[in-house]
């Protein structure tokens, strides 16, 4: 009898403990944000700016975990396979989310099934930069020059299949021109050769390009977004000449696919509250980024649109991973 009573008491205690755990406010332990690129890069920097602000709201440590490799696939796969308990998140972008599924034969994760959109954080245009010796000040100038010298104009990118490469392939398709692609292992060496005049031009992240534009070592000819950038108001957008062209870099916040909806909703609300602070908006605007802080549905729509667009560009251009 005593044994049965003891078992009953133990069972009741366990049920009470489980109920108490379920009722604990979220989060109840440290939260990890995985960045699928090397430490010190722009995505890592954004995560480290946001982490202490989220810590203030949650009262729990927020740990930034850079996991670079395989073009962002390694860290993205880690989050896709993480326990869906609301303690692991991803800052993702086009590469591992909307490009790599078409670039690689098989990914270890499905971006649209294994990841749950939390919020579209911010967007930023690329800027078409040219060496000052190249007589190009607009997309119209580039199209005219490239058509007059088919196959003789070179453009750089940070690697095969990245957004800079796909953006230029799309532009060539719309403008009916053909240039030579010179891929590099990263943006830094590509900048070096465009600044040195070994390569005529490239699409570049606006944050990385601005110091070179401001110094006069490079000329800004166009921005890739549908509208002009506030940091380059006198520079036209590609869409002013080719309305179908609208490509931006972006950062999104993701959870493992089966994460409970109430957790996704709370984290999204908290993240948007942080992003919409005036000091955050000003900080990122100074770098050429626009805080969007959009709900999950908008990020999901962007992913579907981009996935279809980049699949078409990759197929038409016959792009293969290195």
Foldseek 3Di string as FASTA:
>chain_A
DVVVVVVVVVVVVVVVVVVVVVPDDPPPEEAEEEEQADPPDPVNVVCVVCQVLVCVVRVYHYHYHYRYDDQSLVRVVCQLPDPLALRYKYWDWCRNQQFVPLQDPDGPHHNLAFKFFQWFFWWFWWFKKWAPVDPAQALVSVLVVQVVPAAPAEEEDLFFRDPFVLLVLVSCVQSVGHYHYDYHNGDVVRVVCRLVVVHTITTGGQLVCVVCCVVNSIPTREIQAQADFPVCNVHHHPCVVVVVTHDIITITMIGTNVRDPVSSNVVLVSSLVSCPPPVNQVVVSVSRMGTDSGGRVVVSVVSVVSNVVNSVSCVVVVTHHD
